[in-house]
Amino acid sequence: MDTTLVRRVVGTALAVLLVGGGRLVAEHVTTVPGAYEVEVQLGEAAGSGLGAGSHVKLRGVRIGRVVALQLRDGLPVATLELEPEPAVPTDVRPVVTAKTLLGEKQIELRPDGPLVAPFLRDGDHLAVADGTAPTEVDAVVAELDRLLSDLDADRLAALVAALGGLDEDDAATLGRNLDAVEELAAFGARTAGDQVARVAALADVVEAVADRADDLDRVAAALPDAVGVVADREADLAAAAVALDRFSVGLAELLEHERPRIRRLFGLSDTIGAVIDPRMAEIGRMIHGIYRYALVFGQHGGSLDDGSEHAWFRAFIGEEGSIARLCQGLPPELREVAPGCARPPADRQPPR
């Protein structure tokens, strides 16, 4: 089969399908109650191929149509009728794209992120960025010519024959597959940002643990043994858990029963702390003084009237002569044995 003839047949069939598809869609444009209008200022050549009934899409889904096209200050301005749902963010960028390869265009509203407020309202204005020219049929034909020139003519003829033998059921299946692909593409467009962020986070985790690969391998190798040990001691762990549960219940009951005493203890502790805290310096000096007295008392600082060395006793009793008064106030049986009160034997006289 002649290659040039095959290219003409395919090109003609493609053109018929595209034109027919475009007219079929155009006939089903309807007005939705509650819709609102937004004006879009088009580029210098962006209005070519647009007209009343042209589709308006958001992430591949049709959400409205073009209801008017007019010149304003020498530039084309399209009036869009948008459906009330879904709400469209104000940060969308309108782009004129090719709906078919034979000149028919549509307007796509492309958001920079998630569909969040603020949203477009009736009477808002948008503008198409320069340099967003849609693909025209001549560019597609040029690419097809380059592609078809490299194809085997016999295989292409077999493909065309197979496509010609498709019945209505096959065509319906193909249409459903194309719809599924469109939905998948729209889903990918909606979630692309989140997916990229997750992949970046995963890359950060991998980079963080890359230097610890040997340690992770050792942990993975030791994990089965550790699990085996835990399994062997499962009965002990269960018994310990039961005992701990009983202890915790008993402790909770004890604390509940002793709550008034515990509360008074804390209250008393607060009071004692409030008294002691501002006197810490004096208490420190007192403790230091007791320490100094203990050192002196331990060095046997002299004898009492009975000749025994009890300088510490004298220090606490008081001035000279107070020992005799203390002894007179003691019971006779205690007075005979109390240090400082019992008289020494006749052969021992206190030093003078």
Protein backbone atom coordinates (compact mmCIF):
# COMPACT_ATOMS: atom_id res chain seq x y z
CA MET A 1 0.00 0.00 0.00
CA ASP A 2 1.32 3.49 -0.90
CA THR A 3 2.54 5.36 2.23
CA THR A 4 1.27 8.74 0.98
CA LEU A 5 -2.18 7.28 0.41
CA VAL A 6 -2.22 5.80 3.92
CA ARG A 7 -1.29 9.17 5.45
CA ARG A 8 -4.10 10.89 3.53
CA VAL A 9 -6.64 8.28 4.65
CA VAL A 10 -5.61 8.54 8.29
CA GLY A 11 -5.50 12.33 8.21
CA THR A 12 -8.95 12.55 6.61
CA ALA A 13 -10.45 10.10 9.11
CA LEU A 14 -8.91 11.98 12.00
CA ALA A 15 -10.25 15.30 10.75
CA VAL A 16 -13.77 13.89 10.34
CA LEU A 17 -13.71 12.44 13.86
CA LEU A 18 -12.46 15.68 15.37
CA VAL A 19 -14.94 17.91 13.59
CA GLY A 20 -17.81 15.56 14.34
CA GLY A 21 -16.82 15.28 17.99
CA GLY A 22 -16.55 19.03 18.34
CA ARG A 23 -20.02 19.63 16.85
CA LEU A 24 -21.54 16.88 18.98
CA VAL A 25 -20.23 18.46 22.20
CA ALA A 26 -21.27 21.95 21.13
CA GLU A 27 -24.86 20.85 20.70
CA HIS A 28 -25.11 19.75 24.36
CA VAL A 29 -24.15 23.11 25.98
CA THR A 30 -26.77 23.99 28.60
CA THR A 31 -27.31 26.75 31.14
CA VAL A 32 -27.17 25.76 34.81
CA PRO A 33 -29.39 27.56 37.37
CA GLY A 34 -27.39 29.61 39.83
CA ALA A 35 -24.48 30.14 37.44
CA TYR A 36 -22.46 33.38 37.58
CA GLU A 37 -20.46 35.33 34.98
CA VAL A 38 -16.76 36.16 34.90
CA GLU A 39 -14.95 38.17 32.21
CA VAL A 40 -11.61 37.00 30.77
CA GLN A 41 -9.38 39.35 28.76
CA LEU A 42 -7.83 37.20 26.02
CA GLY A 43 -4.42 37.60 24.37
CA GLU A 44 -3.89 39.17 20.97
CA ALA A 45 -4.63 35.91 19.14
CA ALA A 46 -6.24 33.90 21.91
CA GLY A 47 -9.77 34.67 20.79
CA SER A 48 -9.37 32.78 17.51
CA GLY A 49 -11.45 29.62 17.61
CA LEU A 50 -13.55 30.65 20.64
CA GLY A 51 -17.22 31.47 20.47
CA ALA A 52 -20.52 31.20 22.29
CA GLY A 53 -20.76 27.67 23.65
CA SER A 54 -17.04 27.02 23.93
CA HIS A 55 -16.22 24.92 26.98
CA VAL A 56 -14.67 26.20 30.21
CA LYS A 57 -12.82 23.52 32.20
CA LEU A 58 -11.20 23.22 35.62
CA ARG A 59 -8.67 20.39 35.99
CA GLY A 60 -10.12 18.61 33.00
CA VAL A 61 -13.74 18.85 34.16
CA ARG A 62 -16.22 21.09 32.37
CA ILE A 63 -17.61 23.73 34.75
CA GLY A 64 -19.08 26.30 32.36
CA ARG A 65 -19.15 27.83 28.89
CA VAL A 66 -18.38 30.97 26.93
CA VAL A 67 -21.60 32.99 26.48
CA ALA A 68 -20.21 36.07 24.72
CA LEU A 69 -17.10 37.25 22.88
CA GLN A 70 -16.48 40.94 22.14
CA LEU A 71 -13.67 43.42 21.42
CA ARG A 72 -12.73 45.89 24.13
CA ASP A 73 -9.86 48.34 23.61
CA GLY A 74 -8.78 46.30 20.61
CA LEU A 75 -8.52 43.02 22.53
CA PRO A 76 -11.00 40.15 22.69
CA VAL A 77 -12.89 39.69 25.97
CA ALA A 78 -14.81 36.49 26.70
CA THR A 79 -17.72 36.33 29.13
CA LEU A 80 -17.78 33.00 30.96
CA GLU A 81 -20.82 31.46 32.56
CA LEU A 82 -19.57 29.27 35.45
CA GLU A 83 -21.57 26.69 37.38
CA PRO A 84 -22.08 27.34 41.11
CA GLU A 85 -20.20 24.14 42.01
CA PRO A 86 -17.33 23.64 42.33
CA ALA A 87 -16.17 26.99 43.70
CA VAL A 88 -13.24 28.38 41.69
CA PRO A 89 -10.30 30.10 43.50
CA THR A 90 -9.41 33.62 42.47
CA ASP A 91 -5.79 32.62 41.77
CA VAL A 92 -6.68 30.55 38.68
CA ARG A 93 -4.86 31.31 35.42
CA PRO A 94 -7.10 31.23 32.31
CA VAL A 95 -5.44 29.51 29.34
CA VAL A 96 -6.90 29.05 25.86
CA THR A 97 -6.28 25.49 24.68
CA ALA A 98 -7.19 23.50 21.60
CA LYS A 99 -10.33 21.42 22.02
CA THR A 100 -9.90 19.89 18.59
CA LEU A 101 -7.08 20.14 16.07
CA LEU A 102 -9.17 22.02 13.50
CA GLY A 103 -9.44 25.39 15.21
CA GLU A 104 -12.02 24.88 17.97
CA LYS A 105 -10.77 26.17 21.31
CA GLN A 106 -11.73 26.06 24.98
CA ILE A 107 -10.70 27.94 28.12
CA GLU A 108 -9.00 26.09 30.97
CA LEU A 109 -8.86 27.63 34.46
CA ARG A 110 -5.62 26.41 36.03
CA PRO A 111 -5.21 26.92 39.83
CA ASP A 112 -1.77 27.28 41.40
CA GLY A 113 -2.68 25.06 44.38
CA PRO A 114 -5.65 23.51 46.19
CA LEU A 115 -9.17 24.78 45.60
CA VAL A 116 -9.44 27.06 48.64
CA ALA A 117 -10.94 30.49 49.31
CA PRO A 118 -11.14 33.21 48.21
CA PHE A 119 -13.34 32.16 45.30
CA LEU A 120 -14.49 33.88 42.10
CA ARG A 121 -17.75 35.81 42.25
CA ASP A 122 -20.10 37.26 39.70
CA GLY A 123 -18.46 40.17 37.86
CA ASP A 124 -14.82 39.25 38.54
CA HIS A 125 -12.15 39.74 35.85
CA LEU A 126 -9.29 37.50 34.71
CA ALA A 127 -6.62 37.79 32.00
CA VAL A 128 -4.94 35.22 29.76
CA ALA A 129 -1.13 35.26 29.97
CA ASP A 130 0.76 36.03 26.76
CA GLY A 131 2.56 33.20 24.98
CA THR A 132 -0.07 30.50 25.65
CA ALA A 133 -0.98 29.79 22.06
CA PRO A 134 -2.84 26.48 21.57
CA THR A 135 -1.65 23.77 19.18
CA GLU A 136 -3.00 24.17 15.65
CA VAL A 137 -3.80 21.48 13.10
CA ASP A 138 -0.87 22.29 10.80
CA ALA A 139 1.62 21.54 13.58
CA VAL A 140 -0.16 18.26 14.32
CA VAL A 141 -0.23 17.27 10.65
CA ALA A 142 3.49 18.00 10.37
CA GLU A 143 4.19 15.76 13.37
CA LEU A 144 1.87 13.05 12.00
CA ASP A 145 3.65 13.19 8.63
CA ARG A 146 7.00 12.67 10.33
CA LEU A 147 5.56 9.83 12.43
CA LEU A 148 3.74 8.10 9.57
CA SER A 149 6.78 8.23 7.32
CA ASP A 150 8.58 6.00 9.82
CA LEU A 151 5.73 3.47 10.13
CA ASP A 152 5.50 0.22 8.24
CA ALA A 153 2.73 0.64 5.67
CA ASP A 154 1.45 -2.95 5.93
CA ARG A 155 1.21 -2.82 9.72
CA LEU A 156 -0.54 0.52 9.58
CA ALA A 157 -3.01 -0.86 7.07
CA ALA A 158 -3.71 -3.81 9.38
CA LEU A 159 -4.32 -1.36 12.26
CA VAL A 160 -6.71 0.73 10.19
CA ALA A 161 -8.56 -2.44 9.14
CA ALA A 162 -8.83 -3.54 12.77
CA LEU A 163 -10.17 -0.14 13.81
CA GLY A 164 -12.71 -0.30 11.00
CA GLY A 165 -13.96 -3.63 12.33
CA LEU A 166 -14.85 -2.28 15.76
CA ASP A 167 -18.52 -2.59 16.57
CA GLU A 168 -20.62 -0.39 18.86
CA ASP A 169 -19.75 -2.38 22.00
CA ASP A 170 -16.03 -2.00 21.29
CA ALA A 171 -16.49 1.71 20.71
CA ALA A 172 -18.38 2.07 24.01
CA THR A 173 -15.59 0.21 25.83
CA LEU A 174 -12.99 2.46 24.23
CA GLY A 175 -14.98 5.52 25.25
CA ARG A 176 -15.18 4.35 28.86
CA ASN A 177 -11.44 3.74 28.86
CA LEU A 178 -10.81 7.24 27.58
CA ASP A 179 -13.11 8.69 30.27
CA ALA A 180 -11.22 6.72 32.92
CA VAL A 181 -7.92 8.06 31.60
CA GLU A 182 -9.31 11.60 31.74
CA GLU A 183 -10.45 11.13 35.35
CA LEU A 184 -7.06 9.65 36.26
CA ALA A 185 -5.28 12.62 34.70
CA ALA A 186 -7.54 15.03 36.60
CA PHE A 187 -6.83 13.16 39.86
CA GLY A 188 -3.11 13.35 39.18
CA ALA A 189 -3.37 17.09 38.58
CA ARG A 190 -5.26 17.59 41.84
CA THR A 191 -2.87 15.54 43.97
CA ALA A 192 0.44 16.24 42.24
CA GLY A 193 1.55 18.79 44.82
CA ASP A 194 0.85 16.51 47.78
CA GLN A 195 2.50 13.53 46.07
CA VAL A 196 5.64 15.51 45.32
CA ALA A 197 5.78 16.70 48.95
CA ARG A 198 5.46 13.13 50.22
CA VAL A 199 8.19 11.90 47.90
CA ALA A 200 10.44 14.75 49.05
CA ALA A 201 9.79 13.84 52.70
CA LEU A 202 10.57 10.20 51.97
CA ALA A 203 13.81 11.25 50.28
CA ASP A 204 14.76 13.22 53.41
CA VAL A 205 14.13 10.14 55.59
CA VAL A 206 16.20 7.93 53.30
CA GLU A 207 19.03 10.46 53.32
CA ALA A 208 18.91 10.67 57.13
CA VAL A 209 19.18 6.89 57.65
CA ALA A 210 21.55 6.18 54.78
CA ASP A 211 24.62 6.39 57.03
CA ARG A 212 23.02 4.06 59.58
CA ALA A 213 22.36 1.18 57.20
CA ASP A 214 24.70 -1.18 59.08
CA ASP A 215 23.00 -0.42 62.40
CA LEU A 216 19.57 -1.00 60.86
CA ASP A 217 20.77 -4.32 59.45
CA ARG A 218 21.97 -5.40 62.90
CA VAL A 219 18.66 -4.38 64.45
CA ALA A 220 16.77 -6.33 61.82
CA ALA A 221 18.98 -9.39 62.41
CA ALA A 222 18.58 -9.21 66.20
CA LEU A 223 14.84 -8.58 66.13
CA PRO A 224 13.81 -12.26 65.66
CA ASP A 225 15.90 -13.31 68.68
CA ALA A 226 14.45 -10.50 70.75
CA VAL A 227 10.93 -11.49 69.77
CA GLY A 228 11.75 -15.10 70.69
CA VAL A 229 12.94 -14.07 74.15
CA VAL A 230 9.78 -12.07 74.73
CA ALA A 231 7.68 -15.04 73.59
CA ASP A 232 9.52 -17.40 75.98
CA ARG A 233 8.87 -15.05 78.91
CA GLU A 234 5.28 -14.36 77.95
CA ALA A 235 3.93 -16.14 81.06
CA ASP A 236 6.24 -14.16 83.36
CA LEU A 237 5.31 -10.92 81.66
CA ALA A 238 1.61 -11.76 82.02
CA ALA A 239 2.05 -12.53 85.74
CA ALA A 240 4.03 -9.32 86.22
CA ALA A 241 1.31 -7.37 84.45
CA VAL A 242 -1.36 -8.88 86.73
CA ALA A 243 0.71 -8.11 89.85
CA LEU A 244 1.35 -4.58 88.64
CA ASP A 245 -2.35 -4.12 87.99
CA ARG A 246 -3.20 -5.27 91.54
CA PHE A 247 -0.51 -3.03 93.04
CA SER A 248 -1.75 -0.03 91.09
CA VAL A 249 -5.32 -0.67 92.25
CA GLY A 250 -4.19 -1.02 95.87
CA LEU A 251 -2.07 2.10 95.68
CA ALA A 252 -4.95 4.04 94.18
CA GLU A 253 -7.27 2.88 96.98
CA LEU A 254 -4.66 3.76 99.64
CA LEU A 255 -4.13 7.22 98.21
CA GLU A 256 -7.86 7.77 98.02
CA HIS A 257 -8.34 6.63 101.65
CA GLU A 258 -5.44 8.72 102.96
CA ARG A 259 -6.24 11.76 100.86
CA PRO A 260 -7.18 14.00 103.85
CA ARG A 261 -3.94 13.16 105.70
CA ILE A 262 -1.86 13.63 102.55
CA ARG A 263 -3.54 16.96 101.95
CA ARG A 264 -2.80 18.06 105.56
CA LEU A 265 0.79 16.87 105.18
CA PHE A 266 1.30 18.95 102.09
CA GLY A 267 -0.36 21.91 103.76
CA LEU A 268 1.89 21.53 106.82
CA SER A 269 4.96 21.15 104.60
CA ASP A 270 4.06 24.37 102.83
CA THR A 271 3.70 26.15 106.19
CA ILE A 272 7.00 24.81 107.50
CA GLY A 273 8.72 25.74 104.27
CA ALA A 274 7.28 29.25 104.43
CA VAL A 275 8.69 29.65 107.95
CA ILE A 276 12.09 28.05 107.34
CA ASP A 277 12.86 29.50 103.93
CA PRO A 278 13.41 33.14 105.02
CA ARG A 279 15.51 31.91 108.00
CA MET A 280 17.89 29.64 106.12
CA ALA A 281 20.88 31.85 106.88
CA GLU A 282 20.17 31.85 110.65
CA ILE A 283 19.60 28.06 110.66
CA GLY A 284 22.90 27.57 108.86
CA ARG A 285 24.74 29.64 111.43
CA MET A 286 23.04 27.73 114.27
CA ILE A 287 24.08 24.36 112.80
CA HIS A 288 27.62 25.65 112.39
CA GLY A 289 27.64 26.78 116.02
CA ILE A 290 26.44 23.37 117.26
CA TYR A 291 29.23 21.82 115.26
CA ARG A 292 31.78 24.10 116.94
CA TYR A 293 30.39 23.28 120.40
CA ALA A 294 30.61 19.56 119.65
CA LEU A 295 34.29 19.95 118.81
CA VAL A 296 34.98 21.77 122.06
CA PHE A 297 32.94 19.31 124.19
CA GLY A 298 34.85 16.37 122.76
CA GLN A 299 38.16 17.79 124.03
CA HIS A 300 37.34 17.27 127.79
CA GLY A 301 37.27 20.84 128.93
CA GLY A 302 37.89 20.37 132.74
CA SER A 303 36.56 18.60 135.88
CA LEU A 304 33.43 19.08 137.94
CA ASP A 305 33.27 19.19 141.75
CA ASP A 306 33.40 15.38 141.88
CA GLY A 307 36.56 15.31 139.79
CA SER A 308 34.90 13.93 136.64
CA GLU A 309 35.46 15.59 133.27
CA HIS A 310 32.12 16.88 132.07
CA ALA A 311 32.78 20.29 130.59
CA TRP A 312 29.89 19.84 128.18
CA PHE A 313 27.52 19.28 131.11
CA ARG A 314 28.70 22.44 132.78
CA ALA A 315 28.24 24.40 129.57
CA PHE A 316 24.59 23.42 129.38
CA ILE A 317 23.90 23.81 133.12
CA GLY A 318 25.03 27.37 133.29
CA GLU A 319 27.13 29.51 135.63
CA GLU A 320 29.27 28.29 138.53
CA GLY A 321 27.18 27.05 141.50
CA SER A 322 24.16 26.10 139.45
CA ILE A 323 25.19 22.42 139.62
CA ALA A 324 24.66 22.37 143.39
CA ARG A 325 21.19 23.85 142.99
CA LEU A 326 20.38 21.28 140.34
CA CYS A 327 21.55 18.42 142.59
CA GLN A 328 19.42 19.68 145.49
CA GLY A 329 16.36 19.42 143.31
CA LEU A 330 17.00 15.81 142.30
CA PRO A 331 15.52 12.79 144.14
CA PRO A 332 18.00 11.31 146.67
CA GLU A 333 18.52 8.07 144.76
CA LEU A 334 19.30 9.98 141.55
CA ARG A 335 21.41 12.55 143.37
CA GLU A 336 23.79 9.77 144.55
CA VAL A 337 24.70 8.73 141.01
CA ALA A 338 24.24 11.88 138.92
CA PRO A 339 27.50 13.34 137.53
CA GLY A 340 28.45 16.42 139.48
CA CYS A 341 26.20 15.52 142.42
CA ALA A 342 27.85 12.36 143.79
CA ARG A 343 30.72 13.21 146.12
CA PRO A 344 34.12 11.70 145.32
CA PRO A 345 35.76 9.27 147.75
CA ALA A 346 37.79 10.70 150.59
CA ASP A 347 41.06 9.83 148.89
CA ARG A 348 40.03 11.78 145.77
CA GLN A 349 39.73 15.46 146.15
CA PRO A 350 38.93 17.71 143.26
CA PRO A 351 41.86 19.68 141.96
CA ARG A 352 42.14 23.25 143.04
